Amino acid sequence: PKFVQPHIRLRIEKHLREKVRKANLKKQTQAKLEER
């Protein structure tokens, strides 16, 4: 339906934010392990 189109955009945006958050968390964990 047409009213679902805005929600599709929001779902894609949420997916990209989750992907970036996981990548940053992985980098922070790697940096802590290298420091320790």
PDB file of all heavy atoms in Angstrom:
ATOM      1  N   PRO A   1       0.831  -1.228   0.000  1.00  0.00           N
ATOM      2  CA  PRO A   1       0.000   0.000   0.000  1.00  0.00           C
ATOM      3  C   PRO A   1       0.857   1.267   0.000  1.00  0.00           C
ATOM      4  O   PRO A   1       2.040   1.252   0.351  1.00  0.00           O
ATOM      5  CB  PRO A   1      -0.812  -0.129   1.300  1.00  0.00           C
ATOM      6  CG  PRO A   1      -0.766  -1.574   1.644  1.00  0.00           C
ATOM      7  CD  PRO A   1       0.560  -2.079   1.154  1.00  0.00           C
ATOM      8  N   LYS A   2       0.253   2.367  -0.371  1.00  0.00           N
ATOM      9  CA  LYS A   2       0.988   3.628  -0.462  1.00  0.00           C
ATOM     10  C   LYS A   2       1.400   4.157   0.915  1.00  0.00           C
ATOM     11  O   LYS A   2       2.453   4.772   1.043  1.00  0.00           O
ATOM     12  CB  LYS A   2       0.134   4.680  -1.188  1.00  0.00           C
ATOM     13  CG  LYS A   2      -0.065   4.364  -2.659  1.00  0.00           C
ATOM     14  CD  LYS A   2      -0.856   5.483  -3.343  1.00  0.00           C
ATOM     15  CE  LYS A   2      -1.027   5.184  -4.828  1.00  0.00           C
ATOM     16  NZ  LYS A   2      -1.792   6.257  -5.521  1.00  0.00           N
ATOM     17  N   PHE A   3       0.574   3.932   1.929  1.00  0.00           N
ATOM     18  CA  PHE A   3       0.901   4.473   3.244  1.00  0.00           C
ATOM     19  C   PHE A   3       2.068   3.743   3.913  1.00  0.00           C
ATOM     20  O   PHE A   3       2.544   4.164   4.967  1.00  0.00           O
ATOM     21  CB  PHE A   3      -0.337   4.425   4.162  1.00  0.00           C
ATOM     22  CG  PHE A   3      -0.848   3.043   4.439  1.00  0.00           C
ATOM     23  CD1 PHE A   3      -0.322   2.272   5.457  1.00  0.00           C
ATOM     24  CD2 PHE A   3      -1.867   2.508   3.657  1.00  0.00           C
ATOM     25  CE1 PHE A   3      -0.801   1.007   5.714  1.00  0.00           C
ATOM     26  CE2 PHE A   3      -2.349   1.237   3.908  1.00  0.00           C
ATOM     27  CZ  PHE A   3      -1.812   0.482   4.929  1.00  0.00           C
ATOM     28  N   VAL A   4       2.544   2.660   3.284  1.00  0.00           N
ATOM     29  CA  VAL A   4       3.674   1.910   3.842  1.00  0.00           C
ATOM     30  C   VAL A   4       5.008   2.476   3.354  1.00  0.00           C
ATOM     31  O   VAL A   4       6.051   2.201   3.943  1.00  0.00           O
ATOM     32  CB  VAL A   4       3.539   0.413   3.476  1.00  0.00           C
ATOM     33  CG1 VAL A   4       4.675  -0.406   4.067  1.00  0.00           C
ATOM     34  CG2 VAL A   4       2.204  -0.140   3.972  1.00  0.00           C
ATOM     35  N   GLN A   5       5.025   3.271   2.301  1.00  0.00           N
ATOM     36  CA  GLN A   5       6.265   3.784   1.725  1.00  0.00           C
ATOM     37  C   GLN A   5       7.113   4.565   2.727  1.00  0.00           C
ATOM     38  O   GLN A   5       8.326   4.354   2.821  1.00  0.00           O
ATOM     39  CB  GLN A   5       5.948   4.660   0.503  1.00  0.00           C
ATOM     40  CG  GLN A   5       5.292   3.914  -0.655  1.00  0.00           C
ATOM     41  CD  GLN A   5       6.216   2.874  -1.260  1.00  0.00           C
ATOM     42  OE1 GLN A   5       7.442   2.988  -1.183  1.00  0.00           O
ATOM     43  NE2 GLN A   5       5.623   1.848  -1.856  1.00  0.00           N
ATOM     44  N   PRO A   6       6.550   5.506   3.548  1.00  0.00           N
ATOM     45  CA  PRO A   6       7.400   6.202   4.544  1.00  0.00           C
ATOM     46  C   PRO A   6       8.010   5.255   5.577  1.00  0.00           C
ATOM     47  O   PRO A   6       9.153   5.456   6.011  1.00  0.00           O
ATOM     48  CB  PRO A   6       6.427   7.200   5.198  1.00  0.00           C
ATOM     49  CG  PRO A   6       5.347   7.389   4.209  1.00  0.00           C
ATOM     50  CD  PRO A   6       5.194   6.076   3.513  1.00  0.00           C
ATOM     51  N   HIS A   7       7.282   4.220   5.922  1.00  0.00           N
ATOM     52  CA  HIS A   7       7.803   3.277   6.910  1.00  0.00           C
ATOM     53  C   HIS A   7       8.948   2.431   6.329  1.00  0.00           C
ATOM     54  O   HIS A   7       9.846   2.011   7.071  1.00  0.00           O
ATOM     55  CB  HIS A   7       6.678   2.373   7.406  1.00  0.00           C
ATOM     56  CG  HIS A   7       5.566   3.121   8.090  1.00  0.00           C
ATOM     57  ND1 HIS A   7       5.660   3.555   9.400  1.00  0.00           N
ATOM     58  CD2 HIS A   7       4.353   3.548   7.626  1.00  0.00           C
ATOM     59  CE1 HIS A   7       4.542   4.189   9.743  1.00  0.00           C
ATOM     60  NE2 HIS A   7       3.727   4.189   8.676  1.00  0.00           N
ATOM     61  N   ILE A   8       8.927   2.196   5.035  1.00  0.00           N
ATOM     62  CA  ILE A   8      10.037   1.476   4.388  1.00  0.00           C
ATOM     63  C   ILE A   8      11.315   2.295   4.506  1.00  0.00           C
ATOM     64  O   ILE A   8      12.395   1.769   4.814  1.00  0.00           O
ATOM     65  CB  ILE A   8       9.695   1.191   2.917  1.00  0.00           C
ATOM     66  CG1 ILE A   8       8.510   0.228   2.824  1.00  0.00           C
ATOM     67  CG2 ILE A   8      10.905   0.609   2.194  1.00  0.00           C
ATOM     68  CD1 ILE A   8       8.024  -0.016   1.405  1.00  0.00           C
ATOM     69  N   ARG A   9      11.199   3.612   4.276  1.00  0.00           N
ATOM     70  CA  ARG A   9      12.377   4.485   4.408  1.00  0.00           C
ATOM     71  C   ARG A   9      12.893   4.484   5.842  1.00  0.00           C
ATOM     72  O   ARG A   9      14.114   4.423   6.077  1.00  0.00           O
ATOM     73  CB  ARG A   9      12.011   5.906   3.965  1.00  0.00           C
ATOM     74  CG  ARG A   9      13.170   6.890   4.032  1.00  0.00           C
ATOM     75  CD  ARG A   9      12.728   8.265   3.594  1.00  0.00           C
ATOM     76  NE  ARG A   9      11.635   8.747   4.419  1.00  0.00           N
ATOM     77  CZ  ARG A   9      11.795   9.309   5.628  1.00  0.00           C
ATOM     78  NH1 ARG A   9      13.006   9.414   6.150  1.00  0.00           N
ATOM     79  NH2 ARG A   9      10.753   9.727   6.306  1.00  0.00           N
ATOM     80  N   LEU A  10      12.008   4.513   6.815  1.00  0.00           N
ATOM     81  CA  LEU A  10      12.427   4.505   8.213  1.00  0.00           C
ATOM     82  C   LEU A  10      13.076   3.163   8.593  1.00  0.00           C
ATOM     83  O   LEU A  10      14.030   3.128   9.375  1.00  0.00           O
ATOM     84  CB  LEU A  10      11.216   4.774   9.110  1.00  0.00           C
ATOM     85  CG  LEU A  10      10.603   6.177   9.023  1.00  0.00           C
ATOM     86  CD1 LEU A  10       9.340   6.254   9.873  1.00  0.00           C
ATOM     87  CD2 LEU A  10      11.612   7.231   9.463  1.00  0.00           C
ATOM     88  N   ARG A  11      12.589   2.101   8.031  1.00  0.00           N
ATOM     89  CA  ARG A  11      13.183   0.793   8.325  1.00  0.00           C
ATOM     90  C   ARG A  11      14.598   0.688   7.762  1.00  0.00           C
ATOM     91  O   ARG A  11      15.506   0.154   8.419  1.00  0.00           O
ATOM     92  CB  ARG A  11      12.305  -0.321   7.744  1.00  0.00           C
ATOM     93  CG  ARG A  11      12.750  -1.713   8.163  1.00  0.00           C
ATOM     94  CD  ARG A  11      11.925  -2.803   7.521  1.00  0.00           C
ATOM     95  NE  ARG A  11      12.192  -2.928   6.097  1.00  0.00           N
ATOM     96  CZ  ARG A  11      11.290  -2.704   5.156  1.00  0.00           C
ATOM     97  NH1 ARG A  11      10.061  -2.337   5.474  1.00  0.00           N
ATOM     98  NH2 ARG A  11      11.606  -2.842   3.886  1.00  0.00           N
ATOM     99  N   ILE A  12      14.810   1.199   6.560  1.00  0.00           N
ATOM    100  CA  ILE A  12      16.158   1.185   5.970  1.00  0.00           C
ATOM    101  C   ILE A  12      17.108   2.054   6.790  1.00  0.00           C
ATOM    102  O   ILE A  12      18.272   1.689   7.042  1.00  0.00           O
ATOM    103  CB  ILE A  12      16.093   1.654   4.508  1.00  0.00           C
ATOM    104  CG1 ILE A  12      15.280   0.656   3.669  1.00  0.00           C
ATOM    105  CG2 ILE A  12      17.496   1.807   3.935  1.00  0.00           C
ATOM    106  CD1 ILE A  12      15.027   1.111   2.255  1.00  0.00           C
ATOM    107  N   GLU A  13      16.622   3.202   7.232  1.00  0.00           N
ATOM    108  CA  GLU A  13      17.454   4.086   8.053  1.00  0.00           C
ATOM    109  C   GLU A  13      17.813   3.413   9.380  1.00  0.00           C
ATOM    110  O   GLU A  13      18.959   3.509   9.845  1.00  0.00           O
ATOM    111  CB  GLU A  13      16.695   5.393   8.299  1.00  0.00           C
ATOM    112  CG  GLU A  13      17.497   6.448   9.055  1.00  0.00           C
ATOM    113  CD  GLU A  13      16.725   7.731   9.249  1.00  0.00           C
ATOM    114  OE1 GLU A  13      15.615   7.838   8.672  1.00  0.00           O
ATOM    115  OE2 GLU A  13      17.217   8.614   9.984  1.00  0.00           O
ATOM    116  N   LYS A  14      16.881   2.729   9.985  1.00  0.00           N
ATOM    117  CA  LYS A  14      17.157   2.026  11.234  1.00  0.00           C
ATOM    118  C   LYS A  14      18.188   0.922  11.032  1.00  0.00           C
ATOM    119  O   LYS A  14      19.084   0.716  11.872  1.00  0.00           O
ATOM    120  CB  LYS A  14      15.852   1.448  11.773  1.00  0.00           C
ATOM    121  CG  LYS A  14      15.997   0.711  13.086  1.00  0.00           C
ATOM    122  CD  LYS A  14      14.665   0.163  13.553  1.00  0.00           C
ATOM    123  CE  LYS A  14      14.817  -0.620  14.855  1.00  0.00           C
ATOM    124  NZ  LYS A  14      13.507  -1.177  15.312  1.00  0.00           N
ATOM    125  N   HIS A  15      18.090   0.228   9.915  1.00  0.00           N
ATOM    126  CA  HIS A  15      19.049  -0.842   9.619  1.00  0.00           C
ATOM    127  C   HIS A  15      20.465  -0.284   9.449  1.00  0.00           C
ATOM    128  O   HIS A  15      21.439  -0.863   9.955  1.00  0.00           O
ATOM    129  CB  HIS A  15      18.606  -1.577   8.358  1.00  0.00           C
ATOM    130  CG  HIS A  15      19.591  -2.585   7.871  1.00  0.00           C
ATOM    131  ND1 HIS A  15      19.855  -3.780   8.523  1.00  0.00           N
ATOM    132  CD2 HIS A  15      20.415  -2.580   6.779  1.00  0.00           C
ATOM    133  CE1 HIS A  15      20.769  -4.459   7.874  1.00  0.00           C
ATOM    134  NE2 HIS A  15      21.131  -3.757   6.813  1.00  0.00           N
ATOM    135  N   LEU A  16      20.585   0.841   8.753  1.00  0.00           N
ATOM    136  CA  LEU A  16      21.916   1.436   8.557  1.00  0.00           C
ATOM    137  C   LEU A  16      22.502   1.943   9.873  1.00  0.00           C
ATOM    138  O   LEU A  16      23.708   1.804  10.118  1.00  0.00           O
ATOM    139  CB  LEU A  16      21.823   2.566   7.537  1.00  0.00           C
ATOM    140  CG  LEU A  16      21.456   2.153   6.100  1.00  0.00           C
ATOM    141  CD1 LEU A  16      21.297   3.377   5.215  1.00  0.00           C
ATOM    142  CD2 LEU A  16      22.512   1.216   5.528  1.00  0.00           C
ATOM    143  N   ARG A  17      21.683   2.524  10.722  1.00  0.00           N
ATOM    144  CA  ARG A  17      22.179   2.978  12.023  1.00  0.00           C
ATOM    145  C   ARG A  17      22.647   1.798  12.881  1.00  0.00           C
ATOM    146  O   ARG A  17      23.679   1.884  13.567  1.00  0.00           O
ATOM    147  CB  ARG A  17      21.077   3.745  12.748  1.00  0.00           C
ATOM    148  CG  ARG A  17      20.805   5.140  12.186  1.00  0.00           C
ATOM    149  CD  ARG A  17      19.715   5.837  12.984  1.00  0.00           C
ATOM    150  NE  ARG A  17      19.484   7.196  12.478  1.00  0.00           N
ATOM    151  CZ  ARG A  17      18.551   8.018  12.961  1.00  0.00           C
ATOM    152  NH1 ARG A  17      17.784   7.606  13.976  1.00  0.00           N
ATOM    153  NH2 ARG A  17      18.404   9.217  12.451  1.00  0.00           N
ATOM    154  N   GLU A  18      21.914   0.713  12.849  1.00  0.00           N
ATOM    155  CA  GLU A  18      22.321  -0.469  13.612  1.00  0.00           C
ATOM    156  C   GLU A  18      23.636  -1.035  13.092  1.00  0.00           C
ATOM    157  O   GLU A  18      24.495  -1.480  13.869  1.00  0.00           O
ATOM    158  CB  GLU A  18      21.214  -1.529  13.519  1.00  0.00           C
ATOM    159  CG  GLU A  18      21.426  -2.742  14.397  1.00  0.00           C
ATOM    160  CD  GLU A  18      21.249  -2.441  15.864  1.00  0.00           C
ATOM    161  OE1 GLU A  18      20.628  -1.408  16.194  1.00  0.00           O
ATOM    162  OE2 GLU A  18      21.742  -3.254  16.685  1.00  0.00           O
ATOM    163  N   LYS A  19      23.806  -1.004  11.788  1.00  0.00           N
ATOM    164  CA  LYS A  19      25.053  -1.499  11.192  1.00  0.00           C
ATOM    165  C   LYS A  19      26.249  -0.641  11.611  1.00  0.00           C
ATOM    166  O   LYS A  19      27.318  -1.170  11.965  1.00  0.00           O
ATOM    167  CB  LYS A  19      24.904  -1.518   9.669  1.00  0.00           C
ATOM    168  CG  LYS A  19      26.054  -2.159   8.937  1.00  0.00           C
ATOM    169  CD  LYS A  19      25.776  -2.208   7.443  1.00  0.00           C
ATOM    170  CE  LYS A  19      26.941  -2.839   6.693  1.00  0.00           C
ATOM    171  NZ  LYS A  19      26.668  -2.883   5.224  1.00  0.00           N
ATOM    172  N   VAL A  20      26.078   0.681  11.587  1.00  0.00           N
ATOM    173  CA  VAL A  20      27.166   1.579  11.997  1.00  0.00           C
ATOM    174  C   VAL A  20      27.466   1.417  13.484  1.00  0.00           C
ATOM    175  O   VAL A  20      28.626   1.445  13.911  1.00  0.00           O
ATOM    176  CB  VAL A  20      26.793   3.031  11.651  1.00  0.00           C
ATOM    177  CG1 VAL A  20      27.817   4.002  12.236  1.00  0.00           C
ATOM    178  CG2 VAL A  20      26.706   3.213  10.148  1.00  0.00           C
ATOM    179  N   ARG A  21      26.431   1.233  14.300  1.00  0.00           N
ATOM    180  CA  ARG A  21      26.640   1.070  15.740  1.00  0.00           C
ATOM    181  C   ARG A  21      27.434  -0.200  16.046  1.00  0.00           C
ATOM    182  O   ARG A  21      28.336  -0.199  16.894  1.00  0.00           O
ATOM    183  CB  ARG A  21      25.291   1.017  16.455  1.00  0.00           C
ATOM    184  CG  ARG A  21      25.387   1.034  17.978  1.00  0.00           C
ATOM    185  CD  ARG A  21      24.012   0.921  18.603  1.00  0.00           C
ATOM    186  NE  ARG A  21      23.445  -0.394  18.357  1.00  0.00           N
ATOM    187  CZ  ARG A  21      23.729  -1.489  19.076  1.00  0.00           C
ATOM    188  NH1 ARG A  21      24.591  -1.407  20.091  1.00  0.00           N
ATOM    189  NH2 ARG A  21      23.156  -2.632  18.797  1.00  0.00           N
ATOM    190  N   LYS A  22      27.146  -1.286  15.349  1.00  0.00           N
ATOM    191  CA  LYS A  22      27.887  -2.531  15.560  1.00  0.00           C
ATOM    192  C   LYS A  22      29.342  -2.387  15.126  1.00  0.00           C
ATOM    193  O   LYS A  22      30.246  -2.919  15.782  1.00  0.00           O
ATOM    194  CB  LYS A  22      27.217  -3.664  14.789  1.00  0.00           C
ATOM    195  CG  LYS A  22      25.899  -4.116  15.386  1.00  0.00           C
ATOM    196  CD  LYS A  22      25.317  -5.290  14.601  1.00  0.00           C
ATOM    197  CE  LYS A  22      24.004  -5.757  15.228  1.00  0.00           C
ATOM    198  NZ  LYS A  22      23.410  -6.895  14.475  1.00  0.00           N
ATOM    199  N   ALA A  23      29.578  -1.674  14.025  1.00  0.00           N
ATOM    200  CA  ALA A  23      30.954  -1.475  13.568  1.00  0.00           C
ATOM    201  C   ALA A  23      31.752  -0.647  14.569  1.00  0.00           C
ATOM    202  O   ALA A  23      32.917  -0.960  14.872  1.00  0.00           O
ATOM    203  CB  ALA A  23      30.955  -0.805  12.196  1.00  0.00           C
ATOM    204  N   ASN A  24      31.141   0.421  15.109  1.00  0.00           N
ATOM    205  CA  ASN A  24      31.838   1.244  16.106  1.00  0.00           C
ATOM    206  C   ASN A  24      32.100   0.454  17.387  1.00  0.00           C
ATOM    207  O   ASN A  24      33.164   0.586  18.005  1.00  0.00           O
ATOM    208  CB  ASN A  24      31.009   2.487  16.423  1.00  0.00           C
ATOM    209  CG  ASN A  24      30.915   3.438  15.241  1.00  0.00           C
ATOM    210  OD1 ASN A  24      31.804   3.463  14.384  1.00  0.00           O
ATOM    211  ND2 ASN A  24      29.854   4.223  15.188  1.00  0.00           N
ATOM    212  N   LEU A  25      31.140  -0.374  17.802  1.00  0.00           N
ATOM    213  CA  LEU A  25      31.341  -1.188  18.999  1.00  0.00           C
ATOM    214  C   LEU A  25      32.472  -2.188  18.810  1.00  0.00           C
ATOM    215  O   LEU A  25      33.271  -2.429  19.736  1.00  0.00           O
ATOM    216  CB  LEU A  25      30.041  -1.908  19.344  1.00  0.00           C
ATOM    217  CG  LEU A  25      30.045  -2.773  20.613  1.00  0.00           C
ATOM    218  CD1 LEU A  25      30.319  -1.906  21.840  1.00  0.00           C
ATOM    219  CD2 LEU A  25      28.725  -3.510  20.765  1.00  0.00           C
ATOM    220  N   LYS A  26      32.583  -2.717  17.625  1.00  0.00           N
ATOM    221  CA  LYS A  26      33.673  -3.655  17.350  1.00  0.00           C
ATOM    222  C   LYS A  26      35.030  -2.960  17.395  1.00  0.00           C
ATOM    223  O   LYS A  26      36.012  -3.496  17.930  1.00  0.00           O
ATOM    224  CB  LYS A  26      33.452  -4.310  15.987  1.00  0.00           C
ATOM    225  CG  LYS A  26      34.432  -5.402  15.659  1.00  0.00           C
ATOM    226  CD  LYS A  26      34.096  -6.046  14.322  1.00  0.00           C
ATOM    227  CE  LYS A  26      35.087  -7.151  13.988  1.00  0.00           C
ATOM    228  NZ  LYS A  26      34.766  -7.792  12.676  1.00  0.00           N
ATOM    229  N   LYS A  27      35.095  -1.748  16.855  1.00  0.00           N
ATOM    230  CA  LYS A  27      36.352  -0.993  16.887  1.00  0.00           C
ATOM    231  C   LYS A  27      36.740  -0.635  18.320  1.00  0.00           C
ATOM    232  O   LYS A  27      37.921  -0.724  18.697  1.00  0.00           O
ATOM    233  CB  LYS A  27      36.215   0.279  16.046  1.00  0.00           C
ATOM    234  CG  LYS A  27      36.154   0.021  14.552  1.00  0.00           C
ATOM    235  CD  LYS A  27      36.034   1.332  13.795  1.00  0.00           C
ATOM    236  CE  LYS A  27      35.964   1.080  12.294  1.00  0.00           C
ATOM    237  NZ  LYS A  27      35.817   2.347  11.530  1.00  0.00           N
ATOM    238  N   GLN A  28      35.771  -0.237  19.122  1.00  0.00           N
ATOM    239  CA  GLN A  28      36.076   0.104  20.507  1.00  0.00           C
ATOM    240  C   GLN A  28      36.556  -1.110  21.296  1.00  0.00           C
ATOM    241  O   GLN A  28      37.499  -1.014  22.095  1.00  0.00           O
ATOM    242  CB  GLN A  28      34.828   0.697  21.172  1.00  0.00           C
ATOM    243  CG  GLN A  28      34.426   2.058  20.632  1.00  0.00           C
ATOM    244  CD  GLN A  28      33.126   2.561  21.234  1.00  0.00           C
ATOM    245  OE1 GLN A  28      32.566   1.915  22.125  1.00  0.00           O
ATOM    246  NE2 GLN A  28      32.643   3.706  20.745  1.00  0.00           N
ATOM    247  N   THR A  29      35.931  -2.256  21.070  1.00  0.00           N
ATOM    248  CA  THR A  29      36.367  -3.477  21.754  1.00  0.00           C
ATOM    249  C   THR A  29      37.771  -3.868  21.346  1.00  0.00           C
ATOM    250  O   THR A  29      38.597  -4.268  22.182  1.00  0.00           O
ATOM    251  CB  THR A  29      35.390  -4.613  21.446  1.00  0.00           C
ATOM    252  OG1 THR A  29      34.059  -4.207  21.770  1.00  0.00           O
ATOM    253  CG2 THR A  29      35.745  -5.864  22.224  1.00  0.00           C
ATOM    254  N   GLN A  30      38.091  -3.719  20.052  1.00  0.00           N
ATOM    255  CA  GLN A  30      39.435  -4.035  19.578  1.00  0.00           C
ATOM    256  C   GLN A  30      40.469  -3.089  20.172  1.00  0.00           C
ATOM    257  O   GLN A  30      41.573  -3.513  20.562  1.00  0.00           O
ATOM    258  CB  GLN A  30      39.459  -3.966  18.044  1.00  0.00           C
ATOM    259  CG  GLN A  30      40.758  -4.413  17.409  1.00  0.00           C
ATOM    260  CD  GLN A  30      40.963  -5.903  17.516  1.00  0.00           C
ATOM    261  OE1 GLN A  30      40.023  -6.659  17.744  1.00  0.00           O
ATOM    262  NE2 GLN A  30      42.196  -6.339  17.351  1.00  0.00           N
ATOM    263  N   ALA A  31      40.111  -1.823  20.288  1.00  0.00           N
ATOM    264  CA  ALA A  31      41.048  -0.853  20.868  1.00  0.00           C
ATOM    265  C   ALA A  31      41.298  -1.139  22.347  1.00  0.00           C
ATOM    266  O   ALA A  31      42.432  -1.041  22.834  1.00  0.00           O
ATOM    267  CB  ALA A  31      40.505   0.559  20.685  1.00  0.00           C
ATOM    268  N   LYS A  32      40.259  -1.523  23.098  1.00  0.00           N
ATOM    269  CA  LYS A  32      40.434  -1.854  24.508  1.00  0.00           C
ATOM    270  C   LYS A  32      41.307  -3.086  24.695  1.00  0.00           C
ATOM    271  O   LYS A  32      42.158  -3.140  25.589  1.00  0.00           O
ATOM    272  CB  LYS A  32      39.073  -2.067  25.154  1.00  0.00           C
ATOM    273  CG  LYS A  32      38.258  -0.800  25.329  1.00  0.00           C
ATOM    274  CD  LYS A  32      36.926  -1.085  25.984  1.00  0.00           C
ATOM    275  CE  LYS A  32      36.090   0.182  26.137  1.00  0.00           C
ATOM    276  NZ  LYS A  32      34.762  -0.098  26.759  1.00  0.00           N
ATOM    277  N   LEU A  33      41.119  -4.098  23.834  1.00  0.00           N
ATOM    278  CA  LEU A  33      41.937  -5.303  23.938  1.00  0.00           C
ATOM    279  C   LEU A  33      43.396  -5.014  23.616  1.00  0.00           C
ATOM    280  O   LEU A  33      44.312  -5.535  24.267  1.00  0.00           O
ATOM    281  CB  LEU A  33      41.385  -6.376  22.990  1.00  0.00           C
ATOM    282  CG  LEU A  33      40.037  -7.010  23.382  1.00  0.00           C
ATOM    283  CD1 LEU A  33      39.549  -7.933  22.270  1.00  0.00           C
ATOM    284  CD2 LEU A  33      40.173  -7.784  24.678  1.00  0.00           C
ATOM    285  N   GLU A  34      43.657  -4.174  22.610  1.00  0.00           N
ATOM    286  CA  GLU A  34      45.034  -3.825  22.267  1.00  0.00           C
ATOM    287  C   GLU A  34      45.689  -2.998  23.376  1.00  0.00           C
ATOM    288  O   GLU A  34      46.894  -3.100  23.600  1.00  0.00           O
ATOM    289  CB  GLU A  34      45.051  -3.062  20.943  1.00  0.00           C
ATOM    290  CG  GLU A  34      44.692  -3.935  19.736  1.00  0.00           C
ATOM    291  CD  GLU A  34      44.684  -3.130  18.457  1.00  0.00           C
ATOM    292  OE1 GLU A  34      44.913  -1.897  18.542  1.00  0.00           O
ATOM    293  OE2 GLU A  34      44.451  -3.721  17.386  1.00  0.00           O
ATOM    294  N   GLU A  35      44.889  -2.161  24.044  1.00  0.00           N
ATOM    295  CA  GLU A  35      45.442  -1.377  25.153  1.00  0.00           C
ATOM    296  C   GLU A  35      45.760  -2.254  26.364  1.00  0.00           C
ATOM    297  O   GLU A  35      46.749  -2.034  27.066  1.00  0.00           O
ATOM    298  CB  GLU A  35      44.442  -0.292  25.543  1.00  0.00           C
ATOM    299  CG  GLU A  35      44.937   0.637  26.637  1.00  0.00           C
ATOM    300  CD  GLU A  35      43.912   1.692  26.991  1.00  0.00           C
ATOM    301  OE1 GLU A  35      42.847   1.707  26.329  1.00  0.00           O
ATOM    302  OE2 GLU A  35      44.187   2.484  27.913  1.00  0.00           O
ATOM    303  N   ARG A  36      44.929  -3.283  26.573  1.00  0.00           N
ATOM    304  CA  ARG A  36      45.154  -4.163  27.720  1.00  0.00           C
ATOM    305  C   ARG A  36      46.225  -5.206  27.438  1.00  0.00           C
ATOM    306  O   ARG A  36      46.999  -5.570  28.331  1.00  0.00           O
ATOM    307  CB  ARG A  36      43.839  -4.840  28.086  1.00  0.00           C
ATOM    308  CG  ARG A  36      43.902  -5.667  29.361  1.00  0.00           C
ATOM    309  CD  ARG A  36      42.540  -6.194  29.729  1.00  0.00           C
ATOM    310  NE  ARG A  36      42.594  -6.989  30.951  1.00  0.00           N
ATOM    311  CZ  ARG A  36      41.543  -7.602  31.496  1.00  0.00           C
ATOM    312  NH1 ARG A  36      40.345  -7.476  30.914  1.00  0.00           N
ATOM    313  NH2 ARG A  36      41.682  -8.308  32.589  1.00  0.00           N
TER     314      ARG A  36
END
